[in-house]
Amino acid sequence: MKSDVQKLEHKQHRIILPFWIPDIMNPYFRNQPEVLRHCLQSLSDTINHASTNITLINNNSCPEASEVAESFVAKGMIDKYVVLSENRGKLETVLAEARASYEEFVTIADGDFLFMKGWEKSVADIMRALPSAGMVTCFPTAHLGYFYNSNSIWFPLKAGKIIDDKDIDLFEQGIGHSASSGLYSKTGFKRKYSWRQRHYYIERKGCTAVVGAVHALATYRRAVVETFSKKPVELRFGNGYEHDYIDFASEKSGFLRVSTPKLMAYHMGNTLPDEVEDFFAESKYNDIEAAVWPINQKSRRAKFLKILFPMGKYVFRLLRKLRII
């Protein structure tokens, strides 16, 4: 009844996860429903449901994949389930849901990640310790330290090796690269060392954040989400599409793109190797320390760097050219 006034509850964190699995006849998609099951189970097992909601987007997937998704909806693990009659692609769907959400922190993730316990707390810890962090991923990407991250020049960066080789190897394996010739093997740090050897990081209030983040799995502040491009998405998929709509937003808003120093999610792709499944199975999900998100946190530095951005991006390019960073 209209006279029955009930206050709406708004949580602090929302996870938006789209998936598109058109059929299981195609060899590539054959194992995808099971990959989705692993993804949703590990996600549900590793978050604090008291402060986090999940939006699951079904991009006109096959009955087998839809059945997996609906089983988690039935268990009450999914706060919002969106079913589309046609595949609208990842970008349009996540942008629509992110803009429509009320949470202060929004995680956008592909539906083929396996989440480790503690990932949510680690991301929240960085957000709390580093108000200038606008985009944080638990999938360490030090090799993207220079990518849309010009604001980093105004911070006291440290340099060294803090990401364990085992984590780097798992990262490379998950995206189909060999440990010896993957993304971390490319020369990047001052054009002298590979990203495996050295990377940039920030230490603040007992918390360490690696400079660099990737949009495949990342948590954004509301201030960054509000600057996502509002122009209509014209294609279901376009190479580098996320750059114009999502990647640029954190930098333009005066924030940093950073990662946790430990790999806390594995990219399954279209399969889950037995040794990886065994590795994650050893990590029990009970007794997880709840994530504590900052409340009403402001960053004066981000506001200032937003003004400096037009100049900062050119200074950033110059410093890179001179190999100072």
C-alpha atoms as a PDB file:
ATOM      1  CA  MET A   1       0.000   0.000   0.000  1.00  0.00           C
ATOM      2  CA  LYS A   2       1.127   3.581  -0.683  1.00  0.00           C
ATOM      3  CA  SER A   3       0.717   4.434   2.994  1.00  0.00           C
ATOM      4  CA  ASP A   4       3.181   1.680   3.951  1.00  0.00           C
ATOM      5  CA  VAL A   5       6.378   3.746   3.855  1.00  0.00           C
ATOM      6  CA  GLN A   6       9.530   1.635   3.708  1.00  0.00           C
ATOM      7  CA  LYS A   7      13.027   3.015   3.411  1.00  0.00           C
ATOM      8  CA  LEU A   8      15.089   1.690   0.501  1.00  0.00           C
ATOM      9  CA  GLU A   9      18.448   0.148   1.295  1.00  0.00           C
ATOM     10  CA  HIS A  10      21.444   1.203  -0.779  1.00  0.00           C
ATOM     11  CA  LYS A  11      24.616  -0.811  -0.507  1.00  0.00           C
ATOM     12  CA  GLN A  12      28.130   0.502  -1.155  1.00  0.00           C
ATOM     13  CA  HIS A  13      29.312  -1.838  -3.890  1.00  0.00           C
ATOM     14  CA  ARG A  14      27.731  -3.242  -7.059  1.00  0.00           C
ATOM     15  CA  ILE A  15      29.263  -5.835  -9.369  1.00  0.00           C
ATOM     16  CA  ILE A  16      28.081  -5.816 -12.988  1.00  0.00           C
ATOM     17  CA  LEU A  17      28.798  -8.993 -14.909  1.00  0.00           C
ATOM     18  CA  PRO A  18      27.597  -9.544 -18.512  1.00  0.00           C
ATOM     19  CA  PHE A  19      27.816 -12.834 -20.377  1.00  0.00           C
ATOM     20  CA  TRP A  20      27.133 -14.005 -23.909  1.00  0.00           C
ATOM     21  CA  ILE A  21      27.222 -17.719 -24.681  1.00  0.00           C
ATOM     22  CA  PRO A  22      25.308 -18.219 -27.956  1.00  0.00           C
ATOM     23  CA  ASP A  23      25.508 -22.019 -28.145  1.00  0.00           C
ATOM     24  CA  ILE A  24      27.520 -25.041 -27.016  1.00  0.00           C
ATOM     25  CA  MET A  25      27.894 -26.559 -30.473  1.00  0.00           C
ATOM     26  CA  ASN A  26      30.804 -24.262 -31.260  1.00  0.00           C
ATOM     27  CA  PRO A  27      33.976 -25.808 -29.739  1.00  0.00           C
ATOM     28  CA  TYR A  28      34.998 -22.455 -28.243  1.00  0.00           C
ATOM     29  CA  PHE A  29      31.727 -22.090 -26.293  1.00  0.00           C
ATOM     30  CA  ARG A  30      31.298 -25.756 -25.378  1.00  0.00           C
ATOM     31  CA  ASN A  31      32.653 -25.356 -21.828  1.00  0.00           C
ATOM     32  CA  GLN A  32      31.447 -21.785 -21.286  1.00  0.00           C
ATOM     33  CA  PRO A  33      28.358 -22.639 -19.177  1.00  0.00           C
ATOM     34  CA  GLU A  34      30.609 -24.456 -16.717  1.00  0.00           C
ATOM     35  CA  VAL A  35      33.083 -21.557 -16.769  1.00  0.00           C
ATOM     36  CA  LEU A  36      30.186 -19.225 -15.957  1.00  0.00           C
ATOM     37  CA  ARG A  37      29.192 -21.514 -13.086  1.00  0.00           C
ATOM     38  CA  HIS A  38      32.716 -21.381 -11.631  1.00  0.00           C
ATOM     39  CA  CYS A  39      32.748 -17.601 -12.054  1.00  0.00           C
ATOM     40  CA  LEU A  40      29.434 -16.984 -10.294  1.00  0.00           C
ATOM     41  CA  GLN A  41      30.113 -19.469  -7.499  1.00  0.00           C
ATOM     42  CA  SER A  42      33.548 -18.043  -6.723  1.00  0.00           C
ATOM     43  CA  LEU A  43      32.139 -14.512  -6.899  1.00  0.00           C
ATOM     44  CA  SER A  44      29.284 -15.290  -4.551  1.00  0.00           C
ATOM     45  CA  ASP A  45      31.630 -17.072  -2.145  1.00  0.00           C
ATOM     46  CA  THR A  46      34.115 -14.205  -1.921  1.00  0.00           C
ATOM     47  CA  ILE A  47      32.023 -11.056  -1.462  1.00  0.00           C
ATOM     48  CA  ASN A  48      30.361  -9.475   1.537  1.00  0.00           C
ATOM     49  CA  HIS A  49      26.669  -9.733   0.611  1.00  0.00           C
ATOM     50  CA  ALA A  50      25.768  -7.238   3.337  1.00  0.00           C
ATOM     51  CA  SER A  51      27.459  -4.437   1.400  1.00  0.00           C
ATOM     52  CA  THR A  52      27.564  -5.777  -2.172  1.00  0.00           C
ATOM     53  CA  ASN A  53      24.974  -6.475  -4.858  1.00  0.00           C
ATOM     54  CA  ILE A  54      25.414  -8.303  -8.171  1.00  0.00           C
ATOM     55  CA  THR A  55      23.870  -7.390 -11.514  1.00  0.00           C
ATOM     56  CA  LEU A  56      24.005 -10.281 -13.983  1.00  0.00           C
ATOM     57  CA  ILE A  57      23.353  -9.492 -17.658  1.00  0.00           C
ATOM     58  CA  ASN A  58      22.287 -12.282 -19.994  1.00  0.00           C
ATOM     59  CA  ASN A  59      23.044 -11.134 -23.544  1.00  0.00           C
ATOM     60  CA  ASN A  60      20.625 -13.520 -25.291  1.00  0.00           C
ATOM     61  CA  SER A  61      22.603 -16.611 -24.321  1.00  0.00           C
ATOM     62  CA  CYS A  62      21.767 -20.247 -25.017  1.00  0.00           C
ATOM     63  CA  PRO A  63      19.433 -22.262 -22.723  1.00  0.00           C
ATOM     64  CA  GLU A  64      22.362 -24.132 -21.127  1.00  0.00           C
ATOM     65  CA  ALA A  65      24.058 -20.889 -20.029  1.00  0.00           C
ATOM     66  CA  SER A  66      20.752 -19.292 -19.012  1.00  0.00           C
ATOM     67  CA  GLU A  67      20.016 -22.280 -16.807  1.00  0.00           C
ATOM     68  CA  VAL A  68      23.294 -21.749 -14.953  1.00  0.00           C
ATOM     69  CA  ALA A  69      22.517 -18.064 -14.423  1.00  0.00           C
ATOM     70  CA  GLU A  70      18.951 -18.729 -13.296  1.00  0.00           C
ATOM     71  CA  SER A  71      20.139 -21.279 -10.728  1.00  0.00           C
ATOM     72  CA  PHE A  72      22.088 -18.520  -8.962  1.00  0.00           C
ATOM     73  CA  VAL A  73      19.127 -16.153  -9.229  1.00  0.00           C
ATOM     74  CA  ALA A  74      16.928 -18.789  -7.618  1.00  0.00           C
ATOM     75  CA  LYS A  75      19.381 -19.123  -4.725  1.00  0.00           C
ATOM     76  CA  GLY A  76      19.096 -15.381  -4.049  1.00  0.00           C
ATOM     77  CA  MET A  77      22.734 -14.707  -4.942  1.00  0.00           C
ATOM     78  CA  ILE A  78      21.916 -12.250  -7.744  1.00  0.00           C
ATOM     79  CA  ASP A  79      20.313  -8.925  -6.847  1.00  0.00           C
ATOM     80  CA  LYS A  80      19.390  -7.960 -10.419  1.00  0.00           C
ATOM     81  CA  TYR A  81      19.079 -10.262 -13.424  1.00  0.00           C
ATOM     82  CA  VAL A  82      18.810  -8.606 -16.837  1.00  0.00           C
ATOM     83  CA  VAL A  83      17.757 -10.767 -19.795  1.00  0.00           C
ATOM     84  CA  LEU A  84      18.074  -9.294 -23.280  1.00  0.00           C
ATOM     85  CA  SER A  85      16.245 -10.583 -26.355  1.00  0.00           C
ATOM     86  CA  GLU A  86      19.286  -9.860 -28.536  1.00  0.00           C
ATOM     87  CA  ASN A  87      23.016  -9.636 -27.977  1.00  0.00           C
ATOM     88  CA  ARG A  88      23.719  -5.954 -27.338  1.00  0.00           C
ATOM     89  CA  GLY A  89      27.407  -6.517 -26.628  1.00  0.00           C
ATOM     90  CA  LYS A  90      29.296  -5.911 -23.414  1.00  0.00           C
ATOM     91  CA  LEU A  91      29.868  -2.174 -23.608  1.00  0.00           C
ATOM     92  CA  GLU A  92      26.320  -0.873 -24.028  1.00  0.00           C
ATOM     93  CA  THR A  93      24.931  -3.174 -21.360  1.00  0.00           C
ATOM     94  CA  VAL A  94      27.509  -2.423 -18.670  1.00  0.00           C
ATOM     95  CA  LEU A  95      27.393   1.321 -19.344  1.00  0.00           C
ATOM     96  CA  ALA A  96      23.605   1.342 -18.971  1.00  0.00           C
ATOM     97  CA  GLU A  97      23.729  -0.586 -15.697  1.00  0.00           C
ATOM     98  CA  ALA A  98      26.672   1.361 -14.261  1.00  0.00           C
ATOM     99  CA  ARG A  99      24.995   4.716 -14.945  1.00  0.00           C
ATOM    100  CA  ALA A 100      21.714   3.500 -13.446  1.00  0.00           C
ATOM    101  CA  SER A 101      23.289   2.195 -10.244  1.00  0.00           C
ATOM    102  CA  TYR A 102      23.437   4.104  -6.965  1.00  0.00           C
ATOM    103  CA  GLU A 103      26.392   2.411  -5.305  1.00  0.00           C
ATOM    104  CA  GLU A 104      29.530   4.430  -4.583  1.00  0.00           C
ATOM    105  CA  PHE A 105      31.757   1.671  -5.991  1.00  0.00           C
ATOM    106  CA  VAL A 106      31.035  -0.271  -9.178  1.00  0.00           C
ATOM    107  CA  THR A 107      32.934  -3.348 -10.358  1.00  0.00           C
ATOM    108  CA  ILE A 108      32.663  -4.340 -14.025  1.00  0.00           C
ATOM    109  CA  ALA A 109      33.859  -7.875 -14.740  1.00  0.00           C
ATOM    110  CA  ASP A 110      33.832 -10.326 -17.616  1.00  0.00           C
ATOM    111  CA  GLY A 111      31.982 -13.565 -16.952  1.00  0.00           C
ATOM    112  CA  ASP A 112      35.027 -15.810 -17.205  1.00  0.00           C
ATOM    113  CA  PHE A 113      37.016 -14.867 -14.103  1.00  0.00           C
ATOM    114  CA  LEU A 114      37.592 -17.108 -11.110  1.00  0.00           C
ATOM    115  CA  PHE A 115      37.694 -15.018  -7.931  1.00  0.00           C
ATOM    116  CA  MET A 116      39.933 -15.692  -4.942  1.00  0.00           C
ATOM    117  CA  LYS A 117      38.946 -14.976  -1.377  1.00  0.00           C
ATOM    118  CA  GLY A 118      40.043 -11.565  -0.161  1.00  0.00           C
ATOM    119  CA  TRP A 119      39.854  -9.848  -3.556  1.00  0.00           C
ATOM    120  CA  GLU A 120      37.036  -7.523  -2.526  1.00  0.00           C
ATOM    121  CA  LYS A 121      38.735  -6.548   0.739  1.00  0.00           C
ATOM    122  CA  SER A 122      42.036  -5.899  -1.059  1.00  0.00           C
ATOM    123  CA  VAL A 123      40.340  -3.564  -3.531  1.00  0.00           C
ATOM    124  CA  ALA A 124      38.435  -1.767  -0.770  1.00  0.00           C
ATOM    125  CA  ASP A 125      41.632  -1.398   1.273  1.00  0.00           C
ATOM    126  CA  ILE A 126      43.331   0.396  -1.631  1.00  0.00           C
ATOM    127  CA  MET A 127      40.314   2.640  -2.173  1.00  0.00           C
ATOM    128  CA  ARG A 128      40.344   3.549   1.513  1.00  0.00           C
ATOM    129  CA  ALA A 129      44.102   4.134   1.781  1.00  0.00           C
ATOM    130  CA  LEU A 130      44.448   5.917  -1.543  1.00  0.00           C
ATOM    131  CA  PRO A 131      41.591   8.375  -2.216  1.00  0.00           C
ATOM    132  CA  SER A 132      43.215   9.208  -5.560  1.00  0.00           C
ATOM    133  CA  ALA A 133      42.660   5.653  -6.831  1.00  0.00           C
ATOM    134  CA  GLY A 134      39.719   5.845  -9.218  1.00  0.00           C
ATOM    135  CA  MET A 135      40.049   2.419 -10.838  1.00  0.00           C
ATOM    136  CA  VAL A 136      41.379  -0.646  -9.011  1.00  0.00           C
ATOM    137  CA  THR A 137      41.745  -4.198 -10.294  1.00  0.00           C
ATOM    138  CA  CYS A 138      42.591  -7.405  -8.432  1.00  0.00           C
ATOM    139  CA  PHE A 139      44.097  -8.719 -11.683  1.00  0.00           C
ATOM    140  CA  PRO A 140      47.586  -7.089 -11.469  1.00  0.00           C
ATOM    141  CA  THR A 141      48.533  -5.297 -14.667  1.00  0.00           C
ATOM    142  CA  ALA A 142      51.815  -3.497 -14.043  1.00  0.00           C
ATOM    143  CA  HIS A 143      52.507  -3.647 -17.784  1.00  0.00           C
ATOM    144  CA  LEU A 144      49.698  -1.083 -18.185  1.00  0.00           C
ATOM    145  CA  GLY A 145      51.371   1.398 -15.867  1.00  0.00           C
ATOM    146  CA  TYR A 146      51.621   3.958 -18.671  1.00  0.00           C
ATOM    147  CA  PHE A 147      48.162   3.288 -20.114  1.00  0.00           C
ATOM    148  CA  TYR A 148      45.795   6.244 -19.531  1.00  0.00           C
ATOM    149  CA  ASN A 149      47.690   6.973 -16.320  1.00  0.00           C
ATOM    150  CA  SER A 150      49.341  10.363 -16.782  1.00  0.00           C
ATOM    151  CA  ASN A 151      48.252  11.494 -13.300  1.00  0.00           C
ATOM    152  CA  SER A 152      50.849   9.102 -11.850  1.00  0.00           C
ATOM    153  CA  ILE A 153      53.614  11.665 -12.521  1.00  0.00           C
ATOM    154  CA  TRP A 154      52.331  13.776  -9.632  1.00  0.00           C
ATOM    155  CA  PHE A 155      52.768  10.960  -7.098  1.00  0.00           C
ATOM    156  CA  PRO A 156      55.891   9.720  -5.264  1.00  0.00           C
ATOM    157  CA  LEU A 157      56.190   6.436  -7.133  1.00  0.00           C
ATOM    158  CA  LYS A 158      58.416   3.613  -6.005  1.00  0.00           C
ATOM    159  CA  ALA A 159      59.972   1.129  -8.391  1.00  0.00           C
ATOM    160  CA  GLY A 160      60.899  -2.505  -7.933  1.00  0.00           C
ATOM    161  CA  LYS A 161      59.516  -6.000  -8.128  1.00  0.00           C
ATOM    162  CA  ILE A 162      56.635  -6.741  -5.788  1.00  0.00           C
ATOM    163  CA  ILE A 163      54.419  -8.992  -7.957  1.00  0.00           C
ATOM    164  CA  ASP A 164      55.405 -12.612  -7.462  1.00  0.00           C
ATOM    165  CA  ASP A 165      56.527 -14.568 -10.535  1.00  0.00           C
ATOM    166  CA  LYS A 166      53.945 -17.260  -9.812  1.00  0.00           C
ATOM    167  CA  ASP A 167      51.190 -14.659 -10.022  1.00  0.00           C
ATOM    168  CA  ILE A 168      52.640 -13.288 -13.242  1.00  0.00           C
ATOM    169  CA  ASP A 169      52.795 -16.806 -14.693  1.00  0.00           C
ATOM    170  CA  LEU A 170      49.127 -17.397 -13.781  1.00  0.00           C
ATOM    171  CA  PHE A 171      48.217 -14.072 -15.352  1.00  0.00           C
ATOM    172  CA  GLU A 172      49.979 -15.008 -18.600  1.00  0.00           C
ATOM    173  CA  GLN A 173      48.523 -18.516 -18.611  1.00  0.00           C
ATOM    174  CA  GLY A 174      45.007 -17.181 -18.189  1.00  0.00           C
ATOM    175  CA  ILE A 175      45.238 -14.982 -21.273  1.00  0.00           C
ATOM    176  CA  GLY A 176      46.930 -17.669 -23.341  1.00  0.00           C
ATOM    177  CA  HIS A 177      50.517 -16.422 -23.246  1.00  0.00           C
ATOM    178  CA  SER A 178      53.681 -18.250 -22.311  1.00  0.00           C
ATOM    179  CA  ALA A 179      55.555 -17.106 -19.230  1.00  0.00           C
ATOM    180  CA  SER A 180      58.632 -16.303 -21.298  1.00  0.00           C
ATOM    181  CA  SER A 181      57.003 -14.262 -24.052  1.00  0.00           C
ATOM    182  CA  GLY A 182      53.893 -12.733 -22.509  1.00  0.00           C
ATOM    183  CA  LEU A 183      52.917  -9.148 -21.756  1.00  0.00           C
ATOM    184  CA  TYR A 184      55.130  -8.957 -18.671  1.00  0.00           C
ATOM    185  CA  SER A 185      58.137  -9.959 -20.766  1.00  0.00           C
ATOM    186  CA  LYS A 186      57.942  -6.830 -22.898  1.00  0.00           C
ATOM    187  CA  THR A 187      60.407  -4.030 -22.191  1.00  0.00           C
ATOM    188  CA  GLY A 188      58.590  -1.202 -20.481  1.00  0.00           C
ATOM    189  CA  PHE A 189      60.159   0.203 -17.331  1.00  0.00           C
ATOM    190  CA  LYS A 190      62.185   3.207 -18.561  1.00  0.00           C
ATOM    191  CA  ARG A 191      62.710   1.083 -21.689  1.00  0.00           C
ATOM    192  CA  LYS A 192      65.470  -0.710 -19.796  1.00  0.00           C
ATOM    193  CA  TYR A 193      63.704  -3.513 -17.942  1.00  0.00           C
ATOM    194  CA  SER A 194      60.764  -5.794 -18.596  1.00  0.00           C
ATOM    195  CA  TRP A 195      57.601  -5.304 -16.572  1.00  0.00           C
ATOM    196  CA  ARG A 196      58.293  -8.657 -14.940  1.00  0.00           C
ATOM    197  CA  GLN A 197      61.580  -7.309 -13.569  1.00  0.00           C
ATOM    198  CA  ARG A 198      60.373  -3.940 -12.340  1.00  0.00           C
ATOM    199  CA  HIS A 199      57.138  -2.021 -11.995  1.00  0.00           C
ATOM    200  CA  TYR A 200      55.856   1.132 -10.339  1.00  0.00           C
ATOM    201  CA  TYR A 201      53.905   1.088  -7.098  1.00  0.00           C
ATOM    202  CA  ILE A 202      52.606   3.374  -4.353  1.00  0.00           C
ATOM    203  CA  GLU A 203      52.662   2.742  -0.613  1.00  0.00           C
ATOM    204  CA  ARG A 204      50.156   4.565   1.538  1.00  0.00           C
ATOM    205  CA  LYS A 205      48.897   3.847   5.074  1.00  0.00           C
ATOM    206  CA  GLY A 206      50.314   0.334   5.079  1.00  0.00           C
ATOM    207  CA  CYS A 207      48.710  -0.480   1.724  1.00  0.00           C
ATOM    208  CA  THR A 208      50.504  -1.152  -1.569  1.00  0.00           C
ATOM    209  CA  ALA A 209      49.013  -0.396  -4.991  1.00  0.00           C
ATOM    210  CA  VAL A 210      50.671  -1.298  -8.293  1.00  0.00           C
ATOM    211  CA  VAL A 211      50.378   1.387 -10.970  1.00  0.00           C
ATOM    212  CA  GLY A 212      48.303   0.054 -13.882  1.00  0.00           C
ATOM    213  CA  ALA A 213      44.800  -1.431 -14.303  1.00  0.00           C
ATOM    214  CA  VAL A 214      42.722  -3.282 -16.896  1.00  0.00           C
ATOM    215  CA  HIS A 215      39.038  -2.825 -17.742  1.00  0.00           C
ATOM    216  CA  ALA A 216      38.289  -6.575 -18.040  1.00  0.00           C
ATOM    217  CA  LEU A 217      37.952  -6.647 -14.245  1.00  0.00           C
ATOM    218  CA  ALA A 218      38.028  -3.356 -12.372  1.00  0.00           C
ATOM    219  CA  THR A 219      36.294  -1.429  -9.608  1.00  0.00           C
ATOM    220  CA  TYR A 220      35.467   2.254 -10.176  1.00  0.00           C
ATOM    221  CA  ARG A 221      34.540   5.114  -7.921  1.00  0.00           C
ATOM    222  CA  ARG A 222      31.189   6.757  -8.563  1.00  0.00           C
ATOM    223  CA  ALA A 223      33.014   9.952  -9.594  1.00  0.00           C
ATOM    224  CA  VAL A 224      34.683   8.002 -12.417  1.00  0.00           C
ATOM    225  CA  VAL A 225      31.512   6.182 -13.495  1.00  0.00           C
ATOM    226  CA  GLU A 226      29.782   9.536 -13.885  1.00  0.00           C
ATOM    227  CA  THR A 227      32.378  10.541 -16.484  1.00  0.00           C
ATOM    228  CA  PHE A 228      31.967   7.435 -18.664  1.00  0.00           C
ATOM    229  CA  SER A 229      31.241   8.572 -22.213  1.00  0.00           C
ATOM    230  CA  LYS A 230      27.527   9.119 -22.810  1.00  0.00           C
ATOM    231  CA  LYS A 231      27.616   8.867 -26.595  1.00  0.00           C
ATOM    232  CA  PRO A 232      25.566   5.971 -28.046  1.00  0.00           C
ATOM    233  CA  VAL A 233      27.404   2.695 -28.570  1.00  0.00           C
ATOM    234  CA  GLU A 234      27.252   1.895 -32.278  1.00  0.00           C
ATOM    235  CA  LEU A 235      28.757  -1.606 -32.433  1.00  0.00           C
ATOM    236  CA  ARG A 236      28.317  -4.784 -30.407  1.00  0.00           C
ATOM    237  CA  PHE A 237      32.068  -5.147 -30.399  1.00  0.00           C
ATOM    238  CA  GLY A 238      34.918  -2.991 -31.631  1.00  0.00           C
ATOM    239  CA  ASN A 239      38.635  -3.408 -31.102  1.00  0.00           C
ATOM    240  CA  GLY A 240      39.711  -0.944 -28.410  1.00  0.00           C
ATOM    241  CA  TYR A 241      36.106   0.160 -27.926  1.00  0.00           C
ATOM    242  CA  GLU A 242      36.439   0.388 -24.143  1.00  0.00           C
ATOM    243  CA  HIS A 243      39.223   2.960 -24.469  1.00  0.00           C
ATOM    244  CA  ASP A 244      36.898   5.742 -25.616  1.00  0.00           C
ATOM    245  CA  TYR A 245      34.035   4.897 -23.293  1.00  0.00           C
ATOM    246  CA  ILE A 246      35.639   3.609 -20.082  1.00  0.00           C
ATOM    247  CA  ASP A 247      39.460   3.633 -19.944  1.00  0.00           C
ATOM    248  CA  PHE A 248      39.847   7.372 -20.402  1.00  0.00           C
ATOM    249  CA  ALA A 249      37.429   8.260 -17.585  1.00  0.00           C
ATOM    250  CA  SER A 250      39.661   7.690 -14.545  1.00  0.00           C
ATOM    251  CA  GLU A 251      42.562   9.691 -15.960  1.00  0.00           C
ATOM    252  CA  LYS A 252      40.326  12.520 -17.159  1.00  0.00           C
ATOM    253  CA  SER A 253      38.708  12.715 -13.706  1.00  0.00           C
ATOM    254  CA  GLY A 254      42.084  13.227 -12.020  1.00  0.00           C
ATOM    255  CA  PHE A 255      42.378   9.708 -10.583  1.00  0.00           C
ATOM    256  CA  LEU A 256      44.884   6.854 -10.805  1.00  0.00           C
ATOM    257  CA  ARG A 257      44.505   3.384 -12.346  1.00  0.00           C
ATOM    258  CA  VAL A 258      46.063   0.820  -9.970  1.00  0.00           C
ATOM    259  CA  SER A 259      46.113  -2.907  -9.120  1.00  0.00           C
ATOM    260  CA  THR A 260      46.444  -5.103  -6.075  1.00  0.00           C
ATOM    261  CA  PRO A 261      50.017  -6.474  -5.821  1.00  0.00           C
ATOM    262  CA  LYS A 262      48.675 -10.039  -5.601  1.00  0.00           C
ATOM    263  CA  LEU A 263      46.750 -11.893  -8.310  1.00  0.00           C
ATOM    264  CA  MET A 264      43.306 -12.460  -6.813  1.00  0.00           C
ATOM    265  CA  ALA A 265      41.371 -13.556  -9.898  1.00  0.00           C
ATOM    266  CA  TYR A 266      42.182 -15.977 -12.694  1.00  0.00           C
ATOM    267  CA  HIS A 267      41.031 -15.478 -16.279  1.00  0.00           C
ATOM    268  CA  MET A 268      39.531 -18.792 -17.340  1.00  0.00           C
ATOM    269  CA  GLY A 269      38.673 -17.888 -20.924  1.00  0.00           C
ATOM    270  CA  ASN A 270      36.846 -20.919 -22.275  1.00  0.00           C
ATOM    271  CA  THR A 271      38.321 -23.539 -19.972  1.00  0.00           C
ATOM    272  CA  LEU A 272      39.675 -24.094 -16.479  1.00  0.00           C
ATOM    273  CA  PRO A 273      42.907 -26.134 -16.260  1.00  0.00           C
ATOM    274  CA  ASP A 274      42.833 -28.851 -13.597  1.00  0.00           C
ATOM    275  CA  GLU A 275      45.911 -27.521 -11.831  1.00  0.00           C
ATOM    276  CA  VAL A 276      44.352 -24.062 -11.546  1.00  0.00           C
ATOM    277  CA  GLU A 277      41.100 -25.495 -10.231  1.00  0.00           C
ATOM    278  CA  ASP A 278      43.029 -27.496  -7.638  1.00  0.00           C
ATOM    279  CA  PHE A 279      45.009 -24.403  -6.654  1.00  0.00           C
ATOM    280  CA  PHE A 280      41.872 -22.373  -6.029  1.00  0.00           C
ATOM    281  CA  ALA A 281      40.113 -25.269  -4.310  1.00  0.00           C
ATOM    282  CA  GLU A 282      42.803 -25.184  -1.638  1.00  0.00           C
ATOM    283  CA  SER A 283      41.752 -21.659  -0.741  1.00  0.00           C
ATOM    284  CA  LYS A 284      38.791 -22.148   1.575  1.00  0.00           C
ATOM    285  CA  TYR A 285      36.161 -19.439   1.342  1.00  0.00           C
ATOM    286  CA  ASN A 286      34.948 -19.548   4.917  1.00  0.00           C
ATOM    287  CA  ASP A 287      36.070 -16.987   7.479  1.00  0.00           C
ATOM    288  CA  ILE A 288      36.523 -14.261   4.870  1.00  0.00           C
ATOM    289  CA  GLU A 289      37.292 -10.858   6.342  1.00  0.00           C
ATOM    290  CA  ALA A 290      34.631  -8.453   5.094  1.00  0.00           C
ATOM    291  CA  ALA A 291      35.562  -5.573   2.817  1.00  0.00           C
ATOM    292  CA  VAL A 292      35.258  -2.136   4.429  1.00  0.00           C
ATOM    293  CA  TRP A 293      34.538   0.526   1.841  1.00  0.00           C
ATOM    294  CA  PRO A 294      35.250   4.208   2.534  1.00  0.00           C
ATOM    295  CA  ILE A 295      32.229   6.406   3.206  1.00  0.00           C
ATOM    296  CA  ASN A 296      31.911   9.957   1.867  1.00  0.00           C
ATOM    297  CA  GLN A 297      35.564   9.925   0.867  1.00  0.00           C
ATOM    298  CA  LYS A 298      36.804  12.884  -1.168  1.00  0.00           C
ATOM    299  CA  SER A 299      40.074  13.502  -2.982  1.00  0.00           C
ATOM    300  CA  ARG A 300      41.218  17.098  -3.242  1.00  0.00           C
ATOM    301  CA  ARG A 301      44.187  15.937  -5.274  1.00  0.00           C
ATOM    302  CA  ALA A 302      41.924  14.341  -7.878  1.00  0.00           C
ATOM    303  CA  LYS A 303      39.978  17.572  -8.243  1.00  0.00           C
ATOM    304  CA  PHE A 304      43.220  19.476  -8.722  1.00  0.00           C
ATOM    305  CA  LEU A 305      44.662  16.940 -11.181  1.00  0.00           C
ATOM    306  CA  LYS A 306      41.455  17.060 -13.182  1.00  0.00           C
ATOM    307  CA  ILE A 307      42.247  20.719 -13.846  1.00  0.00           C
ATOM    308  CA  LEU A 308      45.904  19.931 -14.596  1.00  0.00           C
ATOM    309  CA  PHE A 309      45.068  17.036 -16.922  1.00  0.00           C
ATOM    310  CA  PRO A 310      45.413  18.895 -20.251  1.00  0.00           C
ATOM    311  CA  MET A 311      48.958  19.892 -19.290  1.00  0.00           C
ATOM    312  CA  GLY A 312      49.811  16.725 -17.360  1.00  0.00           C
ATOM    313  CA  LYS A 313      49.320  14.371 -20.293  1.00  0.00           C
ATOM    314  CA  TYR A 314      51.957  16.261 -22.310  1.00  0.00           C
ATOM    315  CA  VAL A 315      54.392  16.321 -19.385  1.00  0.00           C
ATOM    316  CA  PHE A 316      53.788  12.587 -19.037  1.00  0.00           C
ATOM    317  CA  ARG A 317      54.674  11.969 -22.691  1.00  0.00           C
ATOM    318  CA  LEU A 318      57.826  14.068 -22.373  1.00  0.00           C
ATOM    319  CA  LEU A 319      59.015  12.195 -19.281  1.00  0.00           C
ATOM    320  CA  ARG A 320      58.484   8.892 -21.054  1.00  0.00           C
ATOM    321  CA  LYS A 321      60.323  10.099 -24.142  1.00  0.00           C
ATOM    322  CA  LEU A 322      63.274  11.135 -22.004  1.00  0.00           C
ATOM    323  CA  ARG A 323      63.102   7.784 -20.162  1.00  0.00           C
ATOM    324  CA  ILE A 324      62.723   9.523 -16.837  1.00  0.00           C
ATOM    325  CA  ILE A 325      59.771   7.247 -16.092  1.00  0.00           C
END
